[in-house]
Amino acid sequence: MEEPYKVNDKITAREVRLVGDNVEQGVYPTRQAQQMANEQNLDLVEISPTANPPVCRIIDYSKFKYEQKKKTREMKAKAQKVVVKEIRFGPNTDDHDFEFKLKHAKSFLESGFKIKSYVHFVGRTIVFKERGEILLLKFAQALEEVAKVEQLPKLEGKRMFLMLAPKVAPPAKK
């Protein structure tokens, strides 16, 4: 596996900008910066190769890698995972089934899930496209207090989709 950062002799730039602790910040020739790192028994690590001149830091490389891993792990933990629940209708779904699915959709939205509701057209039922669209719009309208429409009904193959997202953020878990 290739290292994401250039270290010590792998740094090819003629000059580098040094930053960090125990170092006089400024632009130095690479050899001089390398010598300064060696005197402190540390590594010269290129942290910003696209800058002009490249930015380097004198630090223990294994400690630096550990801190980077820790940062990425924290970022992943803070990222919110979006769960999409699917609700399927047929073009001839009757009122009782509609109300039943509507109740489930409300509970999903209140829990913070997104909803992908769709009408699945089987065989010749594809001729009832407008019925499916009306059903999905009625569904979105019934949920307008708790959900916002992310994508209006759109036909893809034998399915017509509608995407809904919760209006308010879900309650924080303790």
Protein backbone atom coordinates (compact mmCIF):
# COMPACT_ATOMS: atom_id res chain seq x y z
CA MET A 1 0.00 0.00 0.00
CA GLU A 2 1.36 3.39 -0.98
CA GLU A 3 1.80 5.98 1.76
CA PRO A 4 -0.51 8.99 1.37
CA TYR A 5 2.20 11.40 2.55
CA LYS A 6 5.79 11.80 1.37
CA VAL A 7 8.27 11.36 4.21
CA ASN A 8 11.97 12.30 4.59
CA ASP A 9 13.93 11.31 1.43
CA LYS A 10 10.76 10.82 -0.64
CA ILE A 11 10.15 14.60 -0.71
CA THR A 12 11.27 15.80 -4.15
CA ALA A 13 10.73 19.58 -3.92
CA ARG A 14 13.80 21.84 -3.77
CA GLU A 15 12.28 24.07 -1.08
CA VAL A 16 9.65 23.42 1.58
CA ARG A 17 7.67 25.60 3.99
CA LEU A 18 8.12 24.33 7.55
CA VAL A 19 5.30 24.58 10.09
CA GLY A 20 4.74 23.02 13.49
CA ASP A 21 6.13 22.96 17.01
CA ASN A 22 9.83 23.44 17.99
CA VAL A 23 10.54 24.87 14.52
CA GLU A 24 11.23 28.34 13.21
CA GLN A 25 8.50 28.60 10.59
CA GLY A 26 9.57 29.63 7.12
CA VAL A 27 10.83 28.43 3.74
CA TYR A 28 13.92 26.20 3.83
CA PRO A 29 15.86 24.11 1.31
CA THR A 30 14.67 20.49 1.61
CA ARG A 31 18.13 19.24 2.76
CA GLN A 32 18.25 21.77 5.60
CA ALA A 33 14.70 20.89 6.70
CA GLN A 34 15.60 17.18 6.61
CA GLN A 35 18.69 17.90 8.74
CA MET A 36 16.56 19.81 11.28
CA ALA A 37 14.20 16.82 11.53
CA ASN A 38 17.13 14.39 12.00
CA GLU A 39 18.56 16.54 14.81
CA GLN A 40 15.26 16.16 16.70
CA ASN A 41 15.03 12.41 15.88
CA LEU A 42 11.76 13.07 14.04
CA ASP A 43 10.50 12.80 10.45
CA LEU A 44 9.93 15.47 7.82
CA VAL A 45 6.37 14.90 6.55
CA GLU A 46 4.91 16.66 3.50
CA ILE A 47 1.36 17.56 4.59
CA SER A 48 0.33 19.79 1.69
CA PRO A 49 2.05 18.80 -1.56
CA THR A 50 -0.03 21.12 -3.78
CA ALA A 51 1.05 24.34 -2.01
CA ASN A 52 3.88 26.39 -3.46
CA PRO A 53 6.36 25.57 -1.90
CA PRO A 54 5.02 22.30 -0.39
CA VAL A 55 4.18 22.51 3.32
CA CYS A 56 6.06 20.11 5.60
CA ARG A 57 5.97 19.40 9.30
CA ILE A 58 8.61 17.95 11.60
CA ILE A 59 6.79 15.25 13.55
CA ASP A 60 6.98 11.56 14.48
CA TYR A 61 5.40 9.96 11.37
CA SER A 62 3.76 7.03 13.18
CA LYS A 63 2.15 9.47 15.64
CA PHE A 64 1.00 11.63 12.70
CA LYS A 65 -0.58 8.61 10.93
CA TYR A 66 -2.33 7.60 14.15
CA GLU A 67 -3.81 11.09 14.58
CA GLN A 68 -5.01 11.14 10.94
CA LYS A 69 -6.71 7.74 11.39
CA LYS A 70 -8.34 8.97 14.59
CA LYS A 71 -9.67 12.08 12.82
CA THR A 72 -11.19 10.07 9.96
CA ARG A 73 -12.78 7.65 12.43
CA GLU A 74 -14.38 10.56 14.33
CA MET A 75 -15.66 12.06 11.06
CA LYS A 76 -17.27 8.75 10.11
CA ALA A 77 -18.89 8.44 13.53
CA LYS A 78 -20.37 11.93 13.27
CA ALA A 79 -21.73 11.35 9.76
CA GLN A 80 -25.41 10.55 9.91
CA LYS A 81 -26.49 7.40 8.14
CA VAL A 82 -29.63 7.81 6.05
CA VAL A 83 -32.01 4.88 6.00
CA VAL A 84 -34.58 4.70 3.22
CA LYS A 85 -37.77 2.75 3.85
CA GLU A 86 -39.77 1.54 0.86
CA ILE A 87 -43.55 1.51 0.64
CA ARG A 88 -45.09 -0.28 -2.33
CA PHE A 89 -48.47 0.37 -3.87
CA GLY A 90 -50.34 -1.15 -6.78
CA PRO A 91 -52.23 1.12 -9.17
CA ASN A 92 -55.53 -0.21 -7.76
CA THR A 93 -54.69 0.10 -4.04
CA ASP A 94 -57.93 0.61 -2.09
CA ASP A 95 -58.53 3.09 0.75
CA HIS A 96 -57.97 0.71 3.67
CA ASP A 97 -54.55 -0.42 2.39
CA PHE A 98 -53.68 3.20 1.62
CA GLU A 99 -54.51 4.29 5.19
CA PHE A 100 -52.55 1.34 6.62
CA LYS A 101 -49.44 2.25 4.60
CA LEU A 102 -49.90 5.93 5.43
CA LYS A 103 -49.80 5.12 9.16
CA HIS A 104 -46.55 3.18 8.69
CA ALA A 105 -45.06 6.00 6.62
CA LYS A 106 -45.84 8.53 9.38
CA SER A 107 -44.07 6.41 11.98
CA PHE A 108 -41.04 5.97 9.67
CA LEU A 109 -40.83 9.72 9.05
CA GLU A 110 -41.13 10.50 12.76
CA SER A 111 -38.23 8.11 13.39
CA GLY A 112 -36.14 10.13 10.91
CA PHE A 113 -36.17 7.72 7.96
CA LYS A 114 -36.61 8.77 4.35
CA ILE A 115 -39.37 7.11 2.36
CA LYS A 116 -39.28 5.83 -1.17
CA SER A 117 -42.86 5.05 -2.08
CA TYR A 118 -43.62 3.56 -5.44
CA VAL A 119 -46.43 2.18 -7.52
CA HIS A 120 -45.46 -1.09 -9.20
CA PHE A 121 -47.22 -1.72 -12.50
CA VAL A 122 -47.58 -5.42 -13.31
CA GLY A 123 -48.50 -6.60 -16.80
CA ARG A 124 -51.17 -4.46 -18.41
CA THR A 125 -51.69 -2.22 -15.40
CA ILE A 126 -49.10 0.11 -16.98
CA VAL A 127 -52.07 1.73 -18.80
CA PHE A 128 -53.10 3.21 -15.40
CA LYS A 129 -50.04 5.50 -15.13
CA GLU A 130 -52.16 8.53 -14.17
CA ARG A 131 -53.90 6.49 -11.45
CA GLY A 132 -50.48 5.67 -9.98
CA GLU A 133 -49.39 9.30 -10.13
CA ILE A 134 -52.61 10.47 -8.45
CA LEU A 135 -52.11 7.84 -5.72
CA LEU A 136 -48.54 9.01 -5.01
CA LEU A 137 -49.53 12.69 -4.98
CA LYS A 138 -52.40 11.87 -2.58
CA PHE A 139 -49.85 10.02 -0.41
CA ALA A 140 -47.48 13.04 -0.41
CA GLN A 141 -50.35 15.40 0.38
CA ALA A 142 -51.50 13.24 3.31
CA LEU A 143 -47.97 13.37 4.74
CA GLU A 144 -47.24 17.06 4.08
CA GLU A 145 -47.29 17.91 7.83
CA VAL A 146 -44.42 15.52 8.63
CA ALA A 147 -42.62 15.18 5.27
CA LYS A 148 -41.26 17.21 2.41
CA VAL A 149 -41.19 15.91 -1.15
CA GLU A 150 -37.64 15.34 -2.41
CA GLN A 151 -38.64 13.98 -5.80
CA LEU A 152 -42.04 14.21 -7.48
CA PRO A 153 -43.54 11.05 -9.04
CA LYS A 154 -41.33 9.82 -11.87
CA LEU A 155 -41.80 6.73 -13.99
CA GLU A 156 -38.80 4.42 -14.34
CA GLY A 157 -39.56 1.18 -16.14
CA LYS A 158 -42.52 -0.50 -14.44
CA ARG A 159 -42.33 1.62 -11.29
CA MET A 160 -43.33 5.19 -10.48
CA PHE A 161 -41.29 6.63 -7.59
CA LEU A 162 -41.87 9.36 -5.03
CA MET A 163 -39.16 10.33 -2.52
CA LEU A 164 -40.08 11.86 0.86
CA ALA A 165 -37.84 13.14 3.65
CA PRO A 166 -38.79 14.06 7.23
CA LYS A 167 -39.43 17.79 7.81
CA VAL A 168 -37.86 17.92 11.27
CA ALA A 169 -34.72 16.19 12.47
CA PRO A 170 -35.31 12.98 14.45
CA PRO A 171 -34.94 13.14 18.23
CA ALA A 172 -31.34 12.65 19.39
CA LYS A 173 -30.51 9.19 20.71
CA LYS A 174 -29.01 9.01 24.19
